[in-house]
């Protein structure tokens, strides 16, 4: 799938109507999401693999991973409304999403230490909260969960992520 095609699909993902600031619900722009996912795909980090999208929100990375040929995506978010928005978006693109995407309503941090989630996916993709709203260090906690869940500890960062 070409970069422009990914971006075009991701532009159809709706934004939060009432973002919960304490959860740091910031929508990932379609352009940035498509660049990150395209870069991951070029590095062999999506196609045919099982992925987790931690703090999936509206589902921009979840949808993108599906469209780029992931075998399965585990989408986790603490906000049930966000998961419902994600599910609604997925239904536009996937006839039977339950085979390819599993939505879990949970605090990402509760997955750490749960044997069921240890090394359960090949790759974790996320735009984590940065811990600026009364939860300092939350980004590092998300990274610990990601390392716990991923079968590989290799980290691929998009070049634009540091700009």
Protein backbone atom coordinates (compact mmCIF):
# COMPACT_ATOMS: atom_id res chain seq x y z
CA UNK A 1 0.00 0.00 0.00
CA UNK A 2 1.38 3.39 -0.96
CA UNK A 3 1.95 6.16 1.57
CA UNK A 4 -0.77 8.37 0.05
CA UNK A 5 -3.27 5.49 0.24
CA UNK A 6 -2.52 4.92 3.91
CA UNK A 7 -2.85 8.62 4.66
CA UNK A 8 -6.13 8.81 2.74
CA UNK A 9 -7.60 5.92 4.75
CA UNK A 10 -6.37 7.32 8.06
CA UNK A 11 -7.97 10.69 7.29
CA UNK A 12 -11.30 8.90 7.67
CA UNK A 13 -10.61 8.12 11.33
CA UNK A 14 -12.70 10.57 13.38
CA UNK A 15 -11.18 12.72 16.10
CA UNK A 16 -12.27 12.67 19.71
CA UNK A 17 -15.40 14.76 20.15
CA UNK A 18 -14.72 15.31 23.87
CA UNK A 19 -11.12 14.34 24.62
CA UNK A 20 -10.35 13.55 28.25
CA UNK A 21 -7.39 15.78 29.00
CA UNK A 22 -6.27 13.81 32.08
CA UNK A 23 -5.93 10.75 29.80
CA UNK A 24 -3.98 12.91 27.34
CA UNK A 25 -6.27 11.97 24.47
CA UNK A 26 -4.57 13.74 21.63
CA UNK A 27 -5.47 12.59 18.13
CA UNK A 28 -2.55 11.43 16.03
CA UNK A 29 -2.75 13.35 12.73
CA UNK A 30 -3.30 11.13 9.67
CA UNK A 31 -0.16 12.45 7.99
CA UNK A 32 2.05 11.59 10.97
CA UNK A 33 0.31 8.25 11.54
CA UNK A 34 0.74 7.26 7.90
CA UNK A 35 4.44 8.21 7.95
CA UNK A 36 5.09 6.18 11.11
CA UNK A 37 3.21 3.15 9.79
CA UNK A 38 4.78 3.37 6.33
CA UNK A 39 8.24 3.49 7.90
CA UNK A 40 7.41 0.52 10.13
CA UNK A 41 6.11 -1.40 7.13
CA UNK A 42 9.28 -0.70 5.14
CA UNK A 43 11.24 -2.16 8.07
CA UNK A 44 9.14 -5.34 8.10
CA UNK A 45 7.38 -4.47 11.35
CA UNK A 46 3.75 -4.92 10.27
CA UNK A 47 2.94 -7.30 7.43
CA UNK A 48 2.03 -10.79 8.63
CA UNK A 49 2.80 -9.93 12.26
CA UNK A 50 0.74 -9.63 15.43
CA UNK A 51 0.69 -6.10 16.82
CA UNK A 52 -0.61 -4.26 19.86
CA UNK A 53 -1.77 -0.65 19.82
CA UNK A 54 -1.51 0.60 23.39
CA UNK A 55 -3.75 3.55 24.23
CA UNK A 56 -5.35 3.05 20.82
CA UNK A 57 -7.77 5.96 21.17
CA UNK A 58 -9.69 6.50 17.94
CA UNK A 59 -7.78 3.65 16.29
CA UNK A 60 -5.53 5.33 13.76
CA UNK A 61 -2.63 2.88 14.31
CA UNK A 62 -4.99 -0.07 14.70
CA UNK A 63 -6.62 0.63 11.35
CA UNK A 64 -3.29 1.35 9.66
CA UNK A 65 -1.76 -1.92 10.90
CA UNK A 66 -4.75 -3.85 9.61
CA UNK A 67 -4.63 -2.13 6.21
CA UNK A 68 -0.90 -2.85 5.92
CA UNK A 69 -1.46 -6.57 6.36
CA UNK A 70 -0.92 -7.37 10.02
CA UNK A 71 -2.07 -10.83 11.01
CA UNK A 72 -3.77 -9.58 14.18
CA UNK A 73 -4.03 -6.33 16.14
CA UNK A 74 -4.72 -6.05 19.86
CA UNK A 75 -6.10 -2.55 20.55
CA UNK A 76 -6.13 -1.46 24.21
CA UNK A 77 -7.62 1.66 25.73
CA UNK A 78 -8.93 2.63 29.17
CA UNK A 79 -11.73 4.74 27.65
CA UNK A 80 -14.75 2.73 26.49
CA UNK A 81 -15.97 5.65 24.37
CA UNK A 82 -12.65 5.70 22.51
CA UNK A 83 -12.90 1.97 21.85
CA UNK A 84 -16.43 2.39 20.51
CA UNK A 85 -15.17 5.10 18.16
CA UNK A 86 -12.33 2.81 17.10
CA UNK A 87 -14.75 -0.06 16.47
CA UNK A 88 -17.07 2.16 14.43
CA UNK A 89 -14.15 3.23 12.22
CA UNK A 90 -12.93 -0.33 11.76
CA UNK A 91 -16.38 -1.46 10.60
CA UNK A 92 -16.02 0.85 7.59
CA UNK A 93 -12.95 -1.07 6.44
CA UNK A 94 -13.27 -4.58 7.82
CA UNK A 95 -16.24 -6.86 7.23
CA UNK A 96 -15.45 -9.16 10.17
CA UNK A 97 -13.04 -7.26 12.38
CA UNK A 98 -13.21 -9.76 15.24
CA UNK A 99 -10.97 -12.15 13.29
CA UNK A 100 -8.24 -9.55 12.89
CA UNK A 101 -8.72 -6.99 15.66
CA UNK A 102 -9.34 -7.50 19.37
CA UNK A 103 -10.47 -4.48 21.36
CA UNK A 104 -9.71 -4.50 25.08
CA UNK A 105 -11.13 -1.97 27.53
CA UNK A 106 -8.39 -1.83 30.16
CA UNK A 107 -5.79 0.37 31.75
CA UNK A 108 -2.63 -0.44 29.77
CA UNK A 109 -0.62 -0.52 33.01
CA UNK A 110 -2.66 -3.48 34.34
CA UNK A 111 -1.29 -5.66 31.53
CA UNK A 112 2.23 -5.53 32.97
CA UNK A 113 2.88 -8.75 34.85
CA UNK A 114 -0.19 -10.54 33.48
CA UNK A 115 1.18 -13.79 32.03
CA UNK A 116 -1.54 -13.74 29.37
CA UNK A 117 0.07 -10.66 27.81
CA UNK A 118 3.74 -11.53 28.25
CA UNK A 119 5.42 -11.74 24.83
CA UNK A 120 1.96 -11.96 23.23
CA UNK A 121 2.68 -9.83 20.13
CA UNK A 122 5.51 -9.28 17.69
CA UNK A 123 5.38 -5.48 17.68
CA UNK A 124 3.84 -2.71 19.79
CA UNK A 125 2.88 0.59 18.21
CA UNK A 126 1.65 3.54 20.23
CA UNK A 127 1.50 7.26 20.70
CA UNK A 128 1.75 7.12 24.49
CA UNK A 129 0.61 9.78 26.91
CA UNK A 130 3.59 11.82 28.01
CA UNK A 131 2.62 12.11 31.63
CA UNK A 132 2.10 15.86 31.59
CA UNK A 133 -1.34 15.81 33.25
CA UNK A 134 -0.74 14.79 36.86
CA UNK A 135 0.90 11.50 35.91
CA UNK A 136 4.61 12.09 35.49
CA UNK A 137 6.52 9.26 33.89
CA UNK A 138 3.47 7.68 32.29
CA UNK A 139 5.29 7.44 28.96
CA UNK A 140 8.00 5.28 30.56
CA UNK A 141 5.35 3.06 32.13
CA UNK A 142 3.78 2.54 28.71
CA UNK A 143 7.22 1.63 27.33
CA UNK A 144 7.67 -0.96 30.09
CA UNK A 145 4.35 -2.55 29.18
CA UNK A 146 5.34 -2.51 25.49
CA UNK A 147 8.64 -4.25 26.25
CA UNK A 148 6.78 -6.82 28.36
CA UNK A 149 4.27 -7.56 25.59
CA UNK A 150 6.57 -7.63 22.56
CA UNK A 151 8.44 -10.78 21.57
CA UNK A 152 11.32 -8.63 20.37
CA UNK A 153 13.04 -5.79 22.18
CA UNK A 154 14.13 -4.13 18.93
CA UNK A 155 12.85 -0.57 18.78
CA UNK A 156 12.01 1.17 15.52
CA UNK A 157 11.51 4.89 15.81
CA UNK A 158 10.38 7.04 12.94
CA UNK A 159 12.97 9.71 12.03
CA UNK A 160 10.33 12.45 12.40
CA UNK A 161 9.42 11.30 15.90
CA UNK A 162 12.42 13.18 17.29
CA UNK A 163 11.78 16.49 15.54
